[in-house]
Amino acid sequence: MVVAIDGPAGAGKSTVARAAARALGFTYLDSGAMYRAVGLMTSREGGPAADRAEELDIRIGERVVANGEDVTDAIRTPEVSEAASTVATDPRVREALVKKQRELLAGGDWVAEGRDIGTVVAPDAEVKVYLTASPEERARRRAEELGTDVDTVMRDQALRDAQDMDREHSPLKPAPGAVELDTSGLSVDEVVERVVELVERQR
């Protein structure tokens, strides 16, 4: 079974998906980490981002290991976030990473999160969830996570949202049949409980 969790930055996707996977006994897939890893490798090594994506050997679990290097912390900087948004607009990068994601999701039970899991990567996912929250709430969470100020995050977030929603390939939007969950004011446990309920109904 595949559980697809999509939504904008700061909606709580990673935290919820990781916790839901643990609760369900599923494997967790953070697709954003793949784009971040490509952004990191491209900024370090130069050359076409699509080449970095095609060469990427990545393992995603509690830690993220790209091309044999633990990049868990390196891919969470604001600079790499920006690089990830840039490389994600490249159709060849998306094509290479979507292929890798589909190969992973082809076997076993997964909770996969990102911005186009339910629309592009796994449109046949048995459960699709679109997480969102108010811009202020999302910025507050992101600032807390990054250890930076909310105003800076708000500016970056608005730019990221515009890029994600307006891009030609795989724009950010709820997948057909997705259940929309506004996480504003909800605890992680409450959101996870709702996701688990949706999965139980499909079993």
C-alpha atoms as a PDB file:
ATOM      1  CA  MET A   1       0.000   0.000   0.000  1.00  0.00           C
ATOM      2  CA  VAL A   2       1.135   3.547  -0.747  1.00  0.00           C
ATOM      3  CA  VAL A   3       0.050   6.533   1.350  1.00  0.00           C
ATOM      4  CA  ALA A   4       0.781   9.770  -0.552  1.00  0.00           C
ATOM      5  CA  ILE A   5       1.164  12.929   1.536  1.00  0.00           C
ATOM      6  CA  ASP A   6       1.581  16.192  -0.367  1.00  0.00           C
ATOM      7  CA  GLY A   7       1.471  19.847   0.576  1.00  0.00           C
ATOM      8  CA  PRO A   8       3.465  23.089   0.758  1.00  0.00           C
ATOM      9  CA  ALA A   9       6.618  23.678   2.819  1.00  0.00           C
ATOM     10  CA  GLY A  10       5.974  23.927   6.553  1.00  0.00           C
ATOM     11  CA  ALA A  11       2.650  22.053   6.492  1.00  0.00           C
ATOM     12  CA  GLY A  12       4.178  19.278   8.592  1.00  0.00           C
ATOM     13  CA  LYS A  13       4.571  16.661   5.844  1.00  0.00           C
ATOM     14  CA  SER A  14       7.909  15.212   6.955  1.00  0.00           C
ATOM     15  CA  THR A  15       7.032  15.027  10.646  1.00  0.00           C
ATOM     16  CA  VAL A  16       3.578  13.561   9.986  1.00  0.00           C
ATOM     17  CA  ALA A  17       4.726  11.128   7.299  1.00  0.00           C
ATOM     18  CA  ARG A  18       7.591   9.824   9.430  1.00  0.00           C
ATOM     19  CA  ALA A  19       5.319   9.357  12.463  1.00  0.00           C
ATOM     20  CA  ALA A  20       2.514   7.800  10.390  1.00  0.00           C
ATOM     21  CA  ALA A  21       4.951   5.334   8.812  1.00  0.00           C
ATOM     22  CA  ARG A  22       6.146   4.361  12.275  1.00  0.00           C
ATOM     23  CA  ALA A  23       2.569   3.948  13.547  1.00  0.00           C
ATOM     24  CA  LEU A  24       1.571   1.818  10.557  1.00  0.00           C
ATOM     25  CA  GLY A  25       4.783  -0.197  10.284  1.00  0.00           C
ATOM     26  CA  PHE A  26       5.330   1.216   6.759  1.00  0.00           C
ATOM     27  CA  THR A  27       8.552   2.548   5.195  1.00  0.00           C
ATOM     28  CA  TYR A  28       8.934   6.327   4.992  1.00  0.00           C
ATOM     29  CA  LEU A  29       9.977   8.087   1.760  1.00  0.00           C
ATOM     30  CA  ASP A  30      10.969  11.759   1.881  1.00  0.00           C
ATOM     31  CA  SER A  31      10.966  12.760  -1.802  1.00  0.00           C
ATOM     32  CA  GLY A  32      12.049  16.305  -0.946  1.00  0.00           C
ATOM     33  CA  ALA A  33      15.329  14.936   0.419  1.00  0.00           C
ATOM     34  CA  MET A  34      16.077  13.649  -3.081  1.00  0.00           C
ATOM     35  CA  TYR A  35      15.644  17.109  -4.618  1.00  0.00           C
ATOM     36  CA  ARG A  36      17.683  18.624  -1.794  1.00  0.00           C
ATOM     37  CA  ALA A  37      20.465  16.103  -2.390  1.00  0.00           C
ATOM     38  CA  VAL A  38      20.519  16.984  -6.101  1.00  0.00           C
ATOM     39  CA  GLY A  39      20.581  20.692  -5.192  1.00  0.00           C
ATOM     40  CA  LEU A  40      23.492  20.077  -2.820  1.00  0.00           C
ATOM     41  CA  MET A  41      25.483  18.019  -5.335  1.00  0.00           C
ATOM     42  CA  THR A  42      24.832  20.522  -8.128  1.00  0.00           C
ATOM     43  CA  SER A  43      25.951  23.494  -6.019  1.00  0.00           C
ATOM     44  CA  ARG A  44      29.087  21.605  -4.996  1.00  0.00           C
ATOM     45  CA  GLU A  45      30.056  19.981  -8.266  1.00  0.00           C
ATOM     46  CA  GLY A  46      28.454  22.184 -10.915  1.00  0.00           C
ATOM     47  CA  GLY A  47      27.328  20.800 -14.250  1.00  0.00           C
ATOM     48  CA  PRO A  48      23.756  20.052 -15.323  1.00  0.00           C
ATOM     49  CA  ALA A  49      21.440  19.255 -12.410  1.00  0.00           C
ATOM     50  CA  ALA A  50      19.861  16.480 -14.500  1.00  0.00           C
ATOM     51  CA  ASP A  51      23.231  14.670 -14.609  1.00  0.00           C
ATOM     52  CA  ARG A  52      23.504  14.897 -10.818  1.00  0.00           C
ATOM     53  CA  ALA A  53      19.942  13.513 -10.527  1.00  0.00           C
ATOM     54  CA  GLU A  54      20.624  10.587 -12.840  1.00  0.00           C
ATOM     55  CA  GLU A  55      23.858   9.729 -10.993  1.00  0.00           C
ATOM     56  CA  LEU A  56      22.289  10.052  -7.533  1.00  0.00           C
ATOM     57  CA  ASP A  57      22.557   6.973  -5.331  1.00  0.00           C
ATOM     58  CA  ILE A  58      20.413   7.749  -2.310  1.00  0.00           C
ATOM     59  CA  ARG A  59      19.212   5.925   0.790  1.00  0.00           C
ATOM     60  CA  ILE A  60      16.527   7.595   2.878  1.00  0.00           C
ATOM     61  CA  GLY A  61      15.671   6.473   6.398  1.00  0.00           C
ATOM     62  CA  GLU A  62      16.403   8.089   9.736  1.00  0.00           C
ATOM     63  CA  ARG A  63      19.492   9.468   7.958  1.00  0.00           C
ATOM     64  CA  VAL A  64      19.889  10.552   4.332  1.00  0.00           C
ATOM     65  CA  VAL A  65      22.911   9.076   2.562  1.00  0.00           C
ATOM     66  CA  ALA A  66      23.703  10.395  -0.931  1.00  0.00           C
ATOM     67  CA  ASN A  67      26.516   8.876  -2.988  1.00  0.00           C
ATOM     68  CA  GLY A  68      27.892   7.288   0.176  1.00  0.00           C
ATOM     69  CA  GLU A  69      27.870  10.520   2.246  1.00  0.00           C
ATOM     70  CA  ASP A  70      25.568  11.281   5.169  1.00  0.00           C
ATOM     71  CA  VAL A  71      23.967  14.561   4.052  1.00  0.00           C
ATOM     72  CA  THR A  72      21.112  14.634   6.600  1.00  0.00           C
ATOM     73  CA  ASP A  73      22.149  17.991   8.057  1.00  0.00           C
ATOM     74  CA  ALA A  74      23.761  19.476   4.935  1.00  0.00           C
ATOM     75  CA  ILE A  75      20.522  19.310   2.913  1.00  0.00           C
ATOM     76  CA  ARG A  76      18.508  21.272   5.501  1.00  0.00           C
ATOM     77  CA  THR A  77      20.208  24.657   5.112  1.00  0.00           C
ATOM     78  CA  PRO A  78      18.327  27.616   3.555  1.00  0.00           C
ATOM     79  CA  GLU A  79      20.875  27.665   0.688  1.00  0.00           C
ATOM     80  CA  VAL A  80      20.175  24.038  -0.195  1.00  0.00           C
ATOM     81  CA  SER A  81      16.407  24.630   0.099  1.00  0.00           C
ATOM     82  CA  GLU A  82      16.757  27.350  -2.512  1.00  0.00           C
ATOM     83  CA  ALA A  83      18.940  25.119  -4.726  1.00  0.00           C
ATOM     84  CA  ALA A  84      16.367  22.319  -4.407  1.00  0.00           C
ATOM     85  CA  SER A  85      13.561  24.631  -5.578  1.00  0.00           C
ATOM     86  CA  THR A  86      15.662  25.653  -8.570  1.00  0.00           C
ATOM     87  CA  VAL A  87      16.602  22.121  -9.678  1.00  0.00           C
ATOM     88  CA  ALA A  88      12.994  20.976  -9.173  1.00  0.00           C
ATOM     89  CA  THR A  89      11.918  23.216 -12.054  1.00  0.00           C
ATOM     90  CA  ASP A  90      14.105  21.189 -14.457  1.00  0.00           C
ATOM     91  CA  PRO A  91      11.913  18.583 -16.227  1.00  0.00           C
ATOM     92  CA  ARG A  92      14.877  16.203 -16.642  1.00  0.00           C
ATOM     93  CA  VAL A  93      15.608  16.309 -12.908  1.00  0.00           C
ATOM     94  CA  ARG A  94      11.969  15.574 -12.109  1.00  0.00           C
ATOM     95  CA  GLU A  95      11.871  12.760 -14.646  1.00  0.00           C
ATOM     96  CA  ALA A  96      14.993  11.113 -13.179  1.00  0.00           C
ATOM     97  CA  LEU A  97      13.823  11.408  -9.563  1.00  0.00           C
ATOM     98  CA  VAL A  98      10.219  10.380 -10.273  1.00  0.00           C
ATOM     99  CA  LYS A  99      11.604   7.231 -11.898  1.00  0.00           C
ATOM    100  CA  LYS A 100      13.706   6.473  -8.793  1.00  0.00           C
ATOM    101  CA  GLN A 101      10.715   7.133  -6.517  1.00  0.00           C
ATOM    102  CA  ARG A 102       8.410   4.859  -8.522  1.00  0.00           C
ATOM    103  CA  GLU A 103      10.990   2.075  -8.398  1.00  0.00           C
ATOM    104  CA  LEU A 104      11.131   2.371  -4.615  1.00  0.00           C
ATOM    105  CA  LEU A 105       7.339   2.477  -4.185  1.00  0.00           C
ATOM    106  CA  ALA A 106       6.759  -0.537  -6.454  1.00  0.00           C
ATOM    107  CA  GLY A 107       7.209  -2.978  -3.591  1.00  0.00           C
ATOM    108  CA  GLY A 108       6.089  -2.965   0.036  1.00  0.00           C
ATOM    109  CA  ASP A 109       4.082  -0.521   2.144  1.00  0.00           C
ATOM    110  CA  TRP A 110       5.108   3.124   2.030  1.00  0.00           C
ATOM    111  CA  VAL A 111       4.233   6.537   3.392  1.00  0.00           C
ATOM    112  CA  ALA A 112       5.658   8.904   0.771  1.00  0.00           C
ATOM    113  CA  GLU A 113       5.650  12.674   1.110  1.00  0.00           C
ATOM    114  CA  GLY A 114       6.453  15.530  -1.209  1.00  0.00           C
ATOM    115  CA  ARG A 115       4.740  17.958  -3.555  1.00  0.00           C
ATOM    116  CA  ASP A 116       3.680  15.673  -6.403  1.00  0.00           C
ATOM    117  CA  ILE A 117       3.386  12.176  -4.921  1.00  0.00           C
ATOM    118  CA  GLY A 118      -0.383  11.845  -5.366  1.00  0.00           C
ATOM    119  CA  THR A 119      -0.521  13.762  -8.654  1.00  0.00           C
ATOM    120  CA  VAL A 120       2.528  12.401 -10.511  1.00  0.00           C
ATOM    121  CA  VAL A 121       4.657   9.827  -8.681  1.00  0.00           C
ATOM    122  CA  ALA A 122       1.915   7.552  -7.353  1.00  0.00           C
ATOM    123  CA  PRO A 123      -1.454   8.653  -8.771  1.00  0.00           C
ATOM    124  CA  ASP A 124      -2.843   5.199  -7.925  1.00  0.00           C
ATOM    125  CA  ALA A 125      -1.925   5.486  -4.229  1.00  0.00           C
ATOM    126  CA  GLU A 126      -4.631   3.923  -2.073  1.00  0.00           C
ATOM    127  CA  VAL A 127      -4.612   6.886   0.333  1.00  0.00           C
ATOM    128  CA  LYS A 128      -3.878  10.487  -0.702  1.00  0.00           C
ATOM    129  CA  VAL A 129      -3.599  13.328   1.791  1.00  0.00           C
ATOM    130  CA  TYR A 130      -2.965  17.019   1.117  1.00  0.00           C
ATOM    131  CA  LEU A 131      -1.634  18.716   4.240  1.00  0.00           C
ATOM    132  CA  THR A 132      -1.786  22.468   4.567  1.00  0.00           C
ATOM    133  CA  ALA A 133      -1.720  25.148   7.271  1.00  0.00           C
ATOM    134  CA  SER A 134      -1.938  28.927   7.435  1.00  0.00           C
ATOM    135  CA  PRO A 135       1.109  30.753   5.995  1.00  0.00           C
ATOM    136  CA  GLU A 136       1.885  32.146   9.468  1.00  0.00           C
ATOM    137  CA  GLU A 137       1.750  28.721  11.095  1.00  0.00           C
ATOM    138  CA  ARG A 138       3.901  27.175   8.369  1.00  0.00           C
ATOM    139  CA  ALA A 139       6.504  29.949   8.670  1.00  0.00           C
ATOM    140  CA  ARG A 140       6.600  29.628  12.470  1.00  0.00           C
ATOM    141  CA  ARG A 141       7.222  25.867  12.262  1.00  0.00           C
ATOM    142  CA  ARG A 142       9.867  26.246   9.576  1.00  0.00           C
ATOM    143  CA  ALA A 143      11.673  29.010  11.499  1.00  0.00           C
ATOM    144  CA  GLU A 144      11.699  26.833  14.603  1.00  0.00           C
ATOM    145  CA  GLU A 145      13.083  23.903  12.615  1.00  0.00           C
ATOM    146  CA  LEU A 146      15.814  25.998  10.942  1.00  0.00           C
ATOM    147  CA  GLY A 147      16.619  28.188  13.936  1.00  0.00           C
ATOM    148  CA  THR A 148      16.006  31.398  11.985  1.00  0.00           C
ATOM    149  CA  ASP A 149      13.534  34.298  12.174  1.00  0.00           C
ATOM    150  CA  VAL A 150       9.933  34.043  10.998  1.00  0.00           C
ATOM    151  CA  ASP A 151      10.036  37.086   8.674  1.00  0.00           C
ATOM    152  CA  THR A 152      12.886  35.609   6.621  1.00  0.00           C
ATOM    153  CA  VAL A 153      11.056  32.291   6.370  1.00  0.00           C
ATOM    154  CA  MET A 154       7.813  34.040   5.338  1.00  0.00           C
ATOM    155  CA  ARG A 155       9.599  35.757   2.425  1.00  0.00           C
ATOM    156  CA  ASP A 156      11.340  32.545   1.313  1.00  0.00           C
ATOM    157  CA  GLN A 157       8.116  30.575   1.756  1.00  0.00           C
ATOM    158  CA  ALA A 158       6.081  32.936  -0.455  1.00  0.00           C
ATOM    159  CA  LEU A 159       8.694  32.609  -3.198  1.00  0.00           C
ATOM    160  CA  ARG A 160       8.828  28.824  -2.827  1.00  0.00           C
ATOM    161  CA  ASP A 161       5.024  28.515  -2.917  1.00  0.00           C
ATOM    162  CA  ALA A 162       4.848  30.597  -6.092  1.00  0.00           C
ATOM    163  CA  GLN A 163       7.561  28.488  -7.750  1.00  0.00           C
ATOM    164  CA  ASP A 164       5.908  25.222  -6.698  1.00  0.00           C
ATOM    165  CA  MET A 165       2.392  26.200  -7.738  1.00  0.00           C
ATOM    166  CA  ASP A 166       3.247  27.964 -10.997  1.00  0.00           C
ATOM    167  CA  ARG A 167       5.845  25.597 -12.445  1.00  0.00           C
ATOM    168  CA  GLU A 168       4.973  23.992 -15.757  1.00  0.00           C
ATOM    169  CA  HIS A 169       5.848  20.447 -14.735  1.00  0.00           C
ATOM    170  CA  SER A 170       4.143  18.836 -11.710  1.00  0.00           C
ATOM    171  CA  PRO A 171       2.736  22.002 -10.111  1.00  0.00           C
ATOM    172  CA  LEU A 172       1.834  21.743  -6.435  1.00  0.00           C
ATOM    173  CA  LYS A 173      -1.892  21.016  -6.051  1.00  0.00           C
ATOM    174  CA  PRO A 174      -4.141  18.489  -4.296  1.00  0.00           C
ATOM    175  CA  ALA A 175      -4.376  15.181  -6.158  1.00  0.00           C
ATOM    176  CA  PRO A 176      -7.801  14.034  -7.372  1.00  0.00           C
ATOM    177  CA  GLY A 177      -9.415  12.169  -4.492  1.00  0.00           C
ATOM    178  CA  ALA A 178      -7.003  13.564  -1.894  1.00  0.00           C
ATOM    179  CA  VAL A 179      -8.290  14.314   1.600  1.00  0.00           C
ATOM    180  CA  GLU A 180      -7.293  17.859   2.568  1.00  0.00           C
ATOM    181  CA  LEU A 181      -6.157  18.303   6.167  1.00  0.00           C
ATOM    182  CA  ASP A 182      -5.494  21.752   7.621  1.00  0.00           C
ATOM    183  CA  THR A 183      -2.928  21.142  10.366  1.00  0.00           C
ATOM    184  CA  SER A 184      -3.182  24.654  11.895  1.00  0.00           C
ATOM    185  CA  GLY A 185      -3.729  24.250  15.609  1.00  0.00           C
ATOM    186  CA  LEU A 186      -3.473  20.446  15.500  1.00  0.00           C
ATOM    187  CA  SER A 187      -0.788  18.429  17.255  1.00  0.00           C
ATOM    188  CA  VAL A 188       1.332  15.980  15.261  1.00  0.00           C
ATOM    189  CA  ASP A 189      -0.394  13.100  17.069  1.00  0.00           C
ATOM    190  CA  GLU A 190      -3.824  14.391  16.044  1.00  0.00           C
ATOM    191  CA  VAL A 191      -2.831  14.645  12.374  1.00  0.00           C
ATOM    192  CA  VAL A 192      -1.164  11.218  12.418  1.00  0.00           C
ATOM    193  CA  GLU A 193      -4.293   9.740  13.985  1.00  0.00           C
ATOM    194  CA  ARG A 194      -6.383  11.056  11.073  1.00  0.00           C
ATOM    195  CA  VAL A 195      -3.948   9.650   8.498  1.00  0.00           C
ATOM    196  CA  VAL A 196      -3.951   6.251  10.214  1.00  0.00           C
ATOM    197  CA  GLU A 197      -7.776   6.282  10.247  1.00  0.00           C
ATOM    198  CA  LEU A 198      -7.802   6.885   6.472  1.00  0.00           C
ATOM    199  CA  VAL A 199      -5.449   3.935   5.962  1.00  0.00           C
ATOM    200  CA  GLU A 200      -7.488   1.650   8.205  1.00  0.00           C
ATOM    201  CA  ARG A 201     -10.586   2.389   6.129  1.00  0.00           C
ATOM    202  CA  GLN A 202      -8.771   1.190   2.998  1.00  0.00           C
ATOM    203  CA  ARG A 203      -7.604  -2.097   4.497  1.00  0.00           C
END
